[in-house]
Protein backbone atom coordinates (compact mmCIF):
# COMPACT_ATOMS: atom_id res chain seq x y z
CA UNK A 1 0.00 0.00 0.00
CA UNK A 2 1.20 3.48 -0.70
CA UNK A 3 1.97 5.56 2.37
CA UNK A 4 1.29 9.29 2.28
CA UNK A 5 3.92 11.77 3.28
CA UNK A 6 3.73 12.57 6.95
CA UNK A 7 3.81 16.05 8.39
CA UNK A 8 3.03 17.56 11.73
CA UNK A 9 1.61 20.62 10.00
CA UNK A 10 -1.78 19.06 9.37
CA UNK A 11 -4.82 21.31 9.12
CA UNK A 12 -6.61 21.75 12.41
CA UNK A 13 -9.57 19.41 12.69
CA UNK A 14 -12.98 20.76 13.46
CA UNK A 15 -13.42 18.36 16.36
CA UNK A 16 -11.09 20.46 18.53
CA UNK A 17 -13.45 23.44 18.31
CA UNK A 18 -16.78 21.58 18.06
CA UNK A 19 -16.42 19.44 21.18
CA UNK A 20 -16.56 21.12 24.56
CA UNK A 21 -13.61 21.30 26.93
CA UNK A 22 -15.51 20.56 30.12
CA UNK A 23 -13.14 18.04 31.70
CA UNK A 24 -11.04 19.47 34.50
CA UNK A 25 -7.59 18.24 35.45
CA UNK A 26 -9.02 16.41 38.48
CA UNK A 27 -11.38 14.53 36.16
CA UNK A 28 -8.57 13.55 33.83
CA UNK A 29 -6.26 12.52 36.67
CA UNK A 30 -8.89 10.28 38.22
CA UNK A 31 -9.90 8.82 34.83
CA UNK A 32 -6.27 7.89 34.34
CA UNK A 33 -6.01 6.48 37.85
CA UNK A 34 -9.27 4.56 37.76
CA UNK A 35 -8.79 3.40 34.18
CA UNK A 36 -6.31 0.75 35.29
CA UNK A 37 -8.76 -0.74 37.79
CA UNK A 38 -11.40 -2.71 35.92
CA UNK A 39 -13.68 -5.65 36.60
CA UNK A 40 -11.14 -7.84 34.80
CA UNK A 41 -8.70 -7.22 37.64
CA UNK A 42 -11.21 -8.04 40.38
CA UNK A 43 -12.76 -11.11 38.76
CA UNK A 44 -10.87 -12.27 35.68
CA UNK A 45 -7.53 -12.54 37.48
CA UNK A 46 -8.79 -15.64 39.31
CA UNK A 47 -8.45 -17.86 36.24
CA UNK A 48 -4.94 -16.53 35.67
CA UNK A 49 -3.90 -17.34 39.25
CA UNK A 50 -5.38 -20.83 38.99
CA UNK A 51 -3.33 -21.48 35.84
CA UNK A 52 -0.06 -19.76 36.70
CA UNK A 53 0.07 -19.98 40.48
CA UNK A 54 2.47 -17.50 42.13
CA UNK A 55 4.07 -16.87 38.73
CA UNK A 56 1.01 -14.74 37.95
CA UNK A 57 3.03 -11.91 39.52
CA UNK A 58 5.66 -12.40 36.81
CA UNK A 59 2.92 -12.56 34.14
CA UNK A 60 1.39 -9.27 35.27
CA UNK A 61 4.84 -7.69 35.50
CA UNK A 62 5.76 -8.68 31.94
CA UNK A 63 2.44 -7.59 30.43
CA UNK A 64 2.53 -4.45 32.59
CA UNK A 65 5.92 -3.50 31.16
CA UNK A 66 4.49 -3.91 27.65
CA UNK A 67 1.50 -1.72 28.51
CA UNK A 68 3.79 0.95 29.97
CA UNK A 69 5.68 1.13 26.69
CA UNK A 70 2.44 1.35 24.71
CA UNK A 71 1.11 4.13 26.94
CA UNK A 72 4.37 6.03 26.67
CA UNK A 73 4.22 5.88 22.87
CA UNK A 74 0.57 6.87 22.83
CA UNK A 75 1.25 9.66 25.30
CA UNK A 76 4.03 11.05 23.12
CA UNK A 77 1.73 11.30 20.10
CA UNK A 78 -1.32 12.50 22.04
CA UNK A 79 0.61 15.27 23.81
CA UNK A 80 1.94 16.43 20.43
CA UNK A 81 -1.45 16.14 18.68
CA UNK A 82 -4.38 15.99 21.18
CA UNK A 83 -7.40 14.46 19.45
CA UNK A 84 -10.56 12.65 20.47
CA UNK A 85 -9.57 10.14 17.78
CA UNK A 86 -6.39 9.31 19.75
CA UNK A 87 -4.51 6.39 18.16
CA UNK A 88 -6.89 6.32 15.17
CA UNK A 89 -5.99 9.90 14.26
CA UNK A 90 -2.30 9.18 14.85
CA UNK A 91 -2.45 6.09 12.61
CA UNK A 92 -4.08 8.14 9.84
CA UNK A 93 -1.42 10.83 10.14
CA UNK A 94 1.40 8.27 10.09
CA UNK A 95 0.18 5.55 7.71
CA UNK A 96 -2.79 6.89 5.81
CA UNK A 97 -6.60 7.01 6.09
CA UNK A 98 -6.93 3.22 5.73
CA UNK A 99 -5.00 2.76 9.00
CA UNK A 100 -7.09 5.28 10.92
CA UNK A 101 -10.26 3.67 9.54
CA UNK A 102 -9.15 0.16 10.53
CA UNK A 103 -7.90 0.97 14.03
CA UNK A 104 -10.81 3.30 14.81
CA UNK A 105 -13.75 1.14 13.75
CA UNK A 106 -12.22 -2.04 15.20
CA UNK A 107 -11.86 -0.27 18.54
CA UNK A 108 -15.40 1.10 18.29
CA UNK A 109 -16.78 -2.43 17.88
CA UNK A 110 -14.67 -3.55 20.86
CA UNK A 111 -15.92 -0.75 23.12
CA UNK A 112 -19.57 -1.12 22.18
CA UNK A 113 -19.49 -4.88 22.71
CA UNK A 114 -17.74 -4.32 26.04
CA UNK A 115 -20.55 -1.96 27.07
CA UNK A 116 -23.01 -4.81 26.60
CA UNK A 117 -20.84 -7.33 28.45
CA UNK A 118 -20.34 -4.97 31.38
CA UNK A 119 -24.06 -4.28 31.52
CA UNK A 120 -24.77 -8.02 31.68
CA UNK A 121 -22.21 -8.47 34.45
CA UNK A 122 -23.63 -5.59 36.47
CA UNK A 123 -27.18 -6.91 36.02
CA UNK A 124 -26.15 -10.36 37.32
CA UNK A 125 -24.87 -8.78 40.53
CA UNK A 126 -28.05 -6.76 41.06
CA UNK A 127 -30.34 -9.72 40.33
CA UNK A 128 -28.36 -11.66 42.93
CA UNK A 129 -29.48 -9.06 45.45
CA UNK A 130 -33.00 -8.80 43.98
CA UNK A 131 -33.88 -12.29 42.69
CA UNK A 132 -36.76 -12.53 40.28
CA UNK A 133 -36.04 -9.24 38.54
CA UNK A 134 -35.16 -9.55 34.83
CA UNK A 135 -31.52 -9.06 33.89
CA UNK A 136 -32.31 -7.32 30.61
CA UNK A 137 -34.34 -4.66 32.44
CA UNK A 138 -31.36 -3.79 34.66
CA UNK A 139 -29.08 -3.63 31.63
CA UNK A 140 -31.58 -1.32 29.93
CA UNK A 141 -31.70 0.88 33.04
CA UNK A 142 -27.91 1.13 33.23
CA UNK A 143 -27.73 1.87 29.52
CA UNK A 144 -30.32 4.65 29.78
CA UNK A 145 -28.56 6.22 32.78
CA UNK A 146 -25.10 6.30 31.20
CA UNK A 147 -26.35 7.15 27.74
CA UNK A 148 -28.20 10.08 29.34
CA UNK A 149 -25.09 11.06 31.29
CA UNK A 150 -23.01 11.15 28.13
CA UNK A 151 -25.73 12.98 26.18
CA UNK A 152 -25.98 15.81 28.69
CA UNK A 153 -22.44 17.19 28.87
CA UNK A 154 -18.90 15.88 29.01
CA UNK A 155 -18.52 17.22 32.55
CA UNK A 156 -21.23 14.76 33.65
CA UNK A 157 -19.16 11.89 32.29
CA UNK A 158 -16.16 13.35 34.10
CA UNK A 159 -18.00 13.63 37.43
CA UNK A 160 -19.32 10.07 37.26
CA UNK A 161 -15.87 8.74 36.42
CA UNK A 162 -14.26 10.85 39.13
CA UNK A 163 -16.37 9.31 41.88
CA UNK A 164 -16.37 5.81 40.39
CA UNK A 165 -12.58 5.93 40.17
CA UNK A 166 -12.30 7.31 43.70
CA UNK A 167 -14.32 4.36 45.04
CA UNK A 168 -12.24 1.83 43.09
CA UNK A 169 -8.94 3.39 44.14
CA UNK A 170 -10.10 3.56 47.74
CA UNK A 171 -11.21 -0.07 47.74
CA UNK A 172 -8.04 -1.52 46.24
CA UNK A 173 -5.82 0.74 48.37
CA UNK A 174 -7.58 -0.51 51.52
CA UNK A 175 -7.17 -4.09 50.29
CA UNK A 176 -3.44 -3.58 49.78
CA UNK A 177 -3.00 -2.00 53.23
CA UNK A 178 -4.86 -4.85 54.96
CA UNK A 179 -2.95 -7.45 52.94
CA UNK A 180 0.46 -5.99 53.77
CA UNK A 181 -0.45 -5.72 57.47
CA UNK A 182 -1.59 -9.35 57.47
CA UNK A 183 1.60 -10.52 55.75
CA UNK A 184 3.65 -8.55 58.27
CA UNK A 185 1.76 -10.29 61.09
CA UNK A 186 0.43 -7.09 62.64
CA UNK A 187 -3.24 -7.34 61.60
CA UNK A 188 -5.27 -8.23 64.71
CA UNK A 189 -6.80 -11.71 64.63
CA UNK A 190 -4.76 -12.87 61.64
CA UNK A 191 -1.65 -15.05 61.51
CA UNK A 192 0.82 -14.29 58.75
CA UNK A 193 1.25 -17.17 56.27
CA UNK A 194 4.81 -16.02 55.63
CA UNK A 195 6.14 -17.62 52.45
CA UNK A 196 4.25 -20.89 52.84
CA UNK A 197 2.09 -20.20 49.77
CA UNK A 198 5.10 -19.31 47.61
CA UNK A 199 7.09 -22.54 47.77
CA UNK A 200 6.26 -23.57 44.19
CA UNK A 201 6.47 -20.52 41.94
CA UNK A 202 5.69 -22.39 38.67
CA UNK A 203 3.25 -25.16 39.69
CA UNK A 204 2.05 -25.72 36.11
CA UNK A 205 5.34 -24.98 34.44
CA UNK A 206 5.78 -22.69 31.47
CA UNK A 207 2.33 -23.53 30.08
CA UNK A 208 0.65 -22.12 33.17
CA UNK A 209 2.72 -18.95 32.91
CA UNK A 210 1.66 -18.55 29.27
CA UNK A 211 -2.03 -18.82 30.18
CA UNK A 212 -1.55 -16.33 32.99
CA UNK A 213 0.32 -13.98 30.67
CA UNK A 214 -2.46 -14.00 28.10
CA UNK A 215 -5.06 -13.37 30.82
CA UNK A 216 -3.06 -10.46 32.21
CA UNK A 217 -2.48 -8.77 28.84
CA UNK A 218 -6.19 -8.27 28.24
CA UNK A 219 -6.84 -7.14 31.82
CA UNK A 220 -5.06 -3.87 31.02
CA UNK A 221 -7.60 -2.73 28.42
CA UNK A 222 -9.11 0.70 29.06
CA UNK A 223 -5.98 2.74 29.58
CA UNK A 224 -6.44 4.35 26.16
CA UNK A 225 -9.54 6.27 27.32
CA UNK A 226 -7.49 8.96 29.03
CA UNK A 227 -5.88 10.04 25.73
CA UNK A 228 -9.35 10.22 24.15
CA UNK A 229 -10.70 12.30 27.04
CA UNK A 230 -7.68 14.60 27.06
CA UNK A 231 -8.90 16.34 23.89
CA UNK A 232 -11.87 17.67 25.86
CA UNK A 233 -9.92 18.78 28.92
CA UNK A 234 -8.88 22.28 29.90
CA UNK A 235 -5.23 21.57 29.16
CA UNK A 236 -4.90 18.49 26.88
CA UNK A 237 -1.11 18.47 26.67
CA UNK A 238 -0.56 18.71 30.43
CA UNK A 239 -3.31 16.15 31.11
CA UNK A 240 -1.80 13.53 28.85
CA UNK A 241 1.71 14.17 30.14
CA UNK A 242 0.69 13.75 33.79
CA UNK A 243 -1.37 10.62 33.10
CA UNK A 244 1.35 8.87 31.13
CA UNK A 245 4.14 9.75 33.51
CA UNK A 246 2.28 8.22 36.44
CA UNK A 247 1.29 5.06 34.57
CA UNK A 248 4.29 3.08 35.83
CA UNK A 249 3.59 3.32 39.55
CA UNK A 250 -0.15 2.88 39.04
CA UNK A 251 0.34 -0.40 37.16
CA UNK A 252 2.98 -1.61 39.61
CA UNK A 253 0.87 -0.78 42.66
CA UNK A 254 -2.61 -1.85 41.62
CA UNK A 255 -1.94 -4.85 39.40
CA UNK A 256 1.42 -6.35 40.32
CA UNK A 257 1.09 -5.34 43.98
CA UNK A 258 -2.36 -6.83 44.47
CA UNK A 259 -1.42 -10.06 42.67
CA UNK A 260 1.60 -10.42 44.98
CA UNK A 261 -0.55 -9.89 48.07
CA UNK A 262 -3.20 -12.38 46.92
CA UNK A 263 -0.86 -15.27 46.08
CA UNK A 264 1.03 -14.70 49.34
CA UNK A 265 -2.18 -14.78 51.42
CA UNK A 266 -4.17 -17.52 49.65
CA UNK A 267 -2.98 -20.87 48.25
CA UNK A 268 -3.03 -20.55 44.47
CA UNK A 269 -4.97 -23.82 44.07
CA UNK A 270 -7.72 -22.86 46.50
CA UNK A 271 -11.12 -23.38 44.79
CA UNK A 272 -12.27 -20.07 46.24
CA UNK A 273 -9.82 -18.17 44.02
CA UNK A 274 -11.93 -19.01 40.96
CA UNK A 275 -15.33 -19.61 42.52
CA UNK A 276 -15.50 -16.49 44.69
CA UNK A 277 -12.81 -14.40 43.04
CA UNK A 278 -9.26 -13.78 44.27
CA UNK A 279 -10.03 -10.63 46.23
CA UNK A 280 -12.98 -12.21 48.06
CA UNK A 281 -10.82 -15.27 48.83
CA UNK A 282 -8.11 -13.03 50.28
CA UNK A 283 -10.57 -10.99 52.36
CA UNK A 284 -12.14 -14.21 53.67
CA UNK A 285 -8.65 -15.36 54.64
CA UNK A 286 -8.30 -12.15 56.65
CA UNK A 287 -11.65 -12.74 58.35
CA UNK A 288 -13.25 -9.60 56.95
CA UNK A 289 -17.02 -9.96 57.56
CA UNK A 290 -19.23 -9.74 54.50
CA UNK A 291 -16.24 -9.89 52.16
CA UNK A 292 -18.27 -11.37 49.32
CA UNK A 293 -20.92 -8.67 49.33
CA UNK A 294 -18.31 -5.98 49.84
CA UNK A 295 -16.46 -7.08 46.73
CA UNK A 296 -19.72 -7.38 44.79
CA UNK A 297 -20.29 -3.68 45.44
CA UNK A 298 -16.76 -2.87 44.27
CA UNK A 299 -17.11 -5.03 41.15
CA UNK A 300 -20.49 -3.42 40.40
CA UNK A 301 -18.87 0.01 40.62
CA UNK A 302 -16.05 -1.16 38.34
CA UNK A 303 -18.54 -2.49 35.78
CA UNK A 304 -20.67 0.66 35.81
CA UNK A 305 -17.55 2.79 35.53
CA UNK A 306 -16.43 0.77 32.52
CA UNK A 307 -19.87 1.13 30.90
CA UNK A 308 -19.75 4.89 31.34
CA UNK A 309 -16.19 5.18 30.03
CA UNK A 310 -16.74 2.87 27.06
CA UNK A 311 -19.87 4.70 25.88
CA UNK A 312 -17.86 7.90 26.07
CA UNK A 313 -14.82 6.42 24.31
CA UNK A 314 -16.88 4.76 21.58
CA UNK A 315 -18.82 7.95 20.83
CA UNK A 316 -15.66 10.05 20.57
CA UNK A 317 -13.84 7.54 18.38
CA UNK A 318 -16.90 7.38 16.09
CA UNK A 319 -17.17 11.17 16.03
CA UNK A 320 -13.51 11.61 15.16
CA UNK A 321 -13.77 9.02 12.38
CA UNK A 322 -16.78 10.62 10.70
CA UNK A 323 -15.24 14.09 11.12
CA UNK A 324 -12.34 12.79 9.07
CA UNK A 325 -14.76 11.47 6.43
CA UNK A 326 -14.57 7.82 7.46
CA UNK A 327 -18.18 7.11 8.36
CA UNK A 328 -21.78 8.32 8.11
CA UNK A 329 -21.69 12.11 8.40
CA UNK A 330 -24.86 12.20 10.49
CA UNK A 331 -22.83 10.95 13.48
CA UNK A 332 -20.72 14.13 13.31
CA UNK A 333 -23.60 16.36 14.43
CA UNK A 334 -22.70 18.12 17.68
CA UNK A 335 -25.14 19.73 20.09
CA UNK A 336 -23.95 21.72 23.12
CA UNK A 337 -20.46 20.37 22.61
CA UNK A 338 -21.58 16.70 22.63
CA UNK A 339 -21.75 14.33 19.60
CA UNK A 340 -25.16 13.09 20.69
CA UNK A 341 -25.97 10.90 17.68
CA UNK A 342 -22.61 9.16 18.11
CA UNK A 343 -23.46 8.57 21.79
CA UNK A 344 -26.86 7.14 20.83
CA UNK A 345 -25.42 4.92 18.08
CA UNK A 346 -22.76 3.52 20.42
CA UNK A 347 -25.33 2.85 23.16
CA UNK A 348 -27.75 1.17 20.76
CA UNK A 349 -25.02 -1.10 19.41
CA UNK A 350 -24.07 -2.01 22.97
CA UNK A 351 -27.65 -2.90 23.88
CA UNK A 352 -27.99 -4.90 20.65
CA UNK A 353 -25.06 -7.01 21.86
CA UNK A 354 -27.00 -7.63 25.09
CA UNK A 355 -30.05 -8.78 23.15
CA UNK A 356 -27.88 -11.08 21.02
CA UNK A 357 -26.56 -12.67 24.21
CA UNK A 358 -30.16 -13.72 24.95
CA UNK A 359 -31.40 -14.41 21.41
CA UNK A 360 -28.35 -16.02 19.79
CA UNK A 361 -25.87 -16.88 22.55
CA UNK A 362 -24.27 -19.89 20.83
CA UNK A 363 -23.59 -18.51 17.36
CA UNK A 364 -23.89 -14.77 16.65
CA UNK A 365 -22.94 -13.55 20.13
CA UNK A 366 -20.15 -16.10 20.46
CA UNK A 367 -18.80 -15.03 17.06
CA UNK A 368 -18.92 -11.38 18.13
CA UNK A 369 -16.95 -12.13 21.31
CA UNK A 370 -14.30 -14.02 19.38
CA UNK A 371 -14.07 -11.20 16.83
CA UNK A 372 -13.07 -8.63 19.46
CA UNK A 373 -10.74 -11.00 21.33
CA UNK A 374 -7.45 -9.60 20.01
CA UNK A 375 -8.49 -6.09 18.93
CA UNK A 376 -6.53 -4.43 21.71
CA UNK A 377 -3.32 -6.03 20.42
CA UNK A 378 -4.04 -4.77 16.90
CA UNK A 379 -4.55 -1.27 18.30
CA UNK A 380 -1.24 -1.49 20.16
CA UNK A 381 0.55 -2.45 16.94
CA UNK A 382 -0.92 0.57 15.16
CA UNK A 383 0.24 2.74 18.07
CA UNK A 384 3.82 1.41 17.90
CA UNK A 385 4.15 1.65 14.12
CA UNK A 386 2.62 5.14 14.10
CA UNK A 387 5.03 6.30 16.79
CA UNK A 388 8.01 5.01 14.83
CA UNK A 389 7.05 7.24 11.89
CA UNK A 390 5.73 10.31 13.71
CA UNK A 391 8.62 10.63 16.16
CA UNK A 392 11.12 11.26 13.35
CA UNK A 393 8.80 13.81 11.78
CA UNK A 394 8.31 15.63 15.09
CA UNK A 395 12.04 15.72 15.75
CA UNK A 396 12.58 17.24 12.33
CA UNK A 397 9.67 19.66 12.07
CA UNK A 398 8.35 20.49 15.56
CA UNK A 399 10.61 19.23 18.37
CA UNK A 400 8.91 21.60 20.81
CA UNK A 401 5.83 19.36 20.68
CA UNK A 402 7.73 16.43 22.19
CA UNK A 403 6.49 17.13 25.71
CA UNK A 404 6.40 13.39 26.41
CA UNK A 405 9.19 11.29 24.92
CA UNK A 406 9.33 7.54 24.40
CA UNK A 407 12.16 6.02 26.37
CA UNK A 408 15.25 4.85 24.45
CA UNK A 409 13.66 5.51 21.06
CA UNK A 410 13.54 3.59 18.75
CA UNK A 411 14.87 0.52 20.58
CA UNK A 412 12.09 0.17 23.15
CA UNK A 413 9.47 0.71 20.45
CA UNK A 414 10.91 -2.28 18.60
CA UNK A 415 11.03 -4.24 21.87
CA UNK A 416 7.32 -3.49 22.36
CA UNK A 417 6.52 -4.66 18.83
CA UNK A 418 8.49 -7.86 19.46
CA UNK A 419 6.51 -8.38 22.67
CA UNK A 420 3.22 -8.00 20.79
CA UNK A 421 4.39 -10.49 18.18
CA UNK A 422 5.19 -12.95 20.98
CA UNK A 423 1.68 -12.54 22.41
CA UNK A 424 0.21 -13.27 18.96
CA UNK A 425 2.33 -16.44 18.73
CA UNK A 426 1.21 -17.53 22.20
CA UNK A 427 -2.43 -16.93 21.25
CA UNK A 428 -1.99 -19.07 18.14
CA UNK A 429 -0.58 -21.89 20.30
CA UNK A 430 -3.47 -21.97 22.77
CA UNK A 431 -6.72 -23.59 21.54
CA UNK A 432 -8.79 -21.25 23.74
CA UNK A 433 -7.37 -18.09 22.18
CA UNK A 434 -6.57 -19.29 18.65
CA UNK A 435 -10.14 -18.82 17.44
CA UNK A 436 -10.14 -15.26 18.85
CA UNK A 437 -6.92 -14.48 17.00
CA UNK A 438 -8.29 -15.73 13.69
CA UNK A 439 -11.69 -14.05 14.13
CA UNK A 440 -10.10 -10.71 15.00
CA UNK A 441 -7.74 -11.10 12.05
CA UNK A 442 -10.69 -11.59 9.70
CA UNK A 443 -12.43 -8.45 10.95
CA UNK A 444 -9.26 -6.34 10.80
CA UNK A 445 -8.40 -7.48 7.28
CA UNK A 446 -11.95 -6.71 6.14
CA UNK A 447 -11.81 -3.23 7.67
CA UNK A 448 -8.37 -2.61 6.16
CA UNK A 449 -9.62 -3.62 2.70
CA UNK A 450 -12.68 -1.36 3.01
CA UNK A 451 -10.56 1.49 4.34
CA UNK A 452 -8.00 1.14 1.56
CA UNK A 453 -10.72 0.98 -1.12
CA UNK A 454 -12.31 4.11 0.36
CA UNK A 455 -8.91 5.84 0.45
CA UNK A 456 -8.28 5.03 -3.23
CA UNK A 457 -11.77 6.15 -4.22
CA UNK A 458 -11.38 9.47 -2.42
CA UNK A 459 -7.97 9.98 -4.01
CA UNK A 460 -9.39 9.35 -7.50
CA UNK A 461 -12.28 11.70 -6.82
CA UNK A 462 -9.87 14.37 -5.65
CA UNK A 463 -7.65 14.12 -8.71
CA UNK A 464 -10.52 13.65 -11.14
CA UNK A 465 -9.01 10.45 -12.56
């Protein structure tokens, strides 16, 4: 494919003036902080621990290092060119419209499907408290609330995320404090297990570590939202810079730290790790009363937070795409600084996924889940390749825009790409993830072909040939 010449002197896009700038720095800081704490951490990590044992700490460390590199690259580009299109806009600038089209619409499908999945998860928790109430009705209620929140004004999204993130950060911080006190033997009523649960670091060998690594990679999804939101903040460049620079300690503390506490407190092969969830199992080990219900509240908050953030992220990605001529123009309509039709379209698609989970759970819905299985890795590859091209251009044409710099460029960018390639190979080796890899590949290739055909057609129309 032909690659257009790249320049930092691109015309200003209308999205920067059409969208409001209602997000304050405190909103952006808490979105960045809470973005790393999702339901996947609270619940999905149990399967990883059961497979990898104590080596899950190594798995989360390795995948966390990869995510740090990706966020640094994305932060460099987003600080230089703040845009609600984030990596999609960067890919278009670096590689051409086909790349922005592919990355953007693949991520939109991922976010909208995730909205439906999170709504289903939240509804299951509520129906556990209120048996006999229909799940779909709770999902519809959550969808209406967060669709309405995103329709009203961006500051409403920011306020919801601020308090959701504060609750999540508070909960996991308290968990870490209690866990460290228990391990130190100073928590009243609890005996420290010492290192008794860490005698076999690789109980299932390298295969268990691989499964844990794959589980941990996809637990980090959601960090990209802060670079999307930054375009609507009071100071986009400063917001992105602060968020990216603090990513390292946030990942180390919340993910790696909590995994270390859990596997030290609870035997990795305890059935409760999977059945109740690792955090509930650890709190039960500490004798915390009502641990299960307490964690259900935290997980519910995490799910609702993710719904809110994903509706926001999907609507802004869609808006940016259609503003750049890569989708139905009707979605570009903005009212009071909000792309309301894009919000509605994203919410409707998310609720359609919910209905498919009831109507066609074994074929259409299953196919949809497989199709989004590896999208985040594809997005990361676009980020890395775009950064390789745009960094040289920025150094040459506008070095003052390099507020955030990728470490040891270009070597660590190539290391990150090699890490992503390794994850793809591992996915191809595992029967459980192979179908996701192939399904995602089919969707991405289809989008790339459509995007390239559209790019060629627009070029011909522009030249009159």
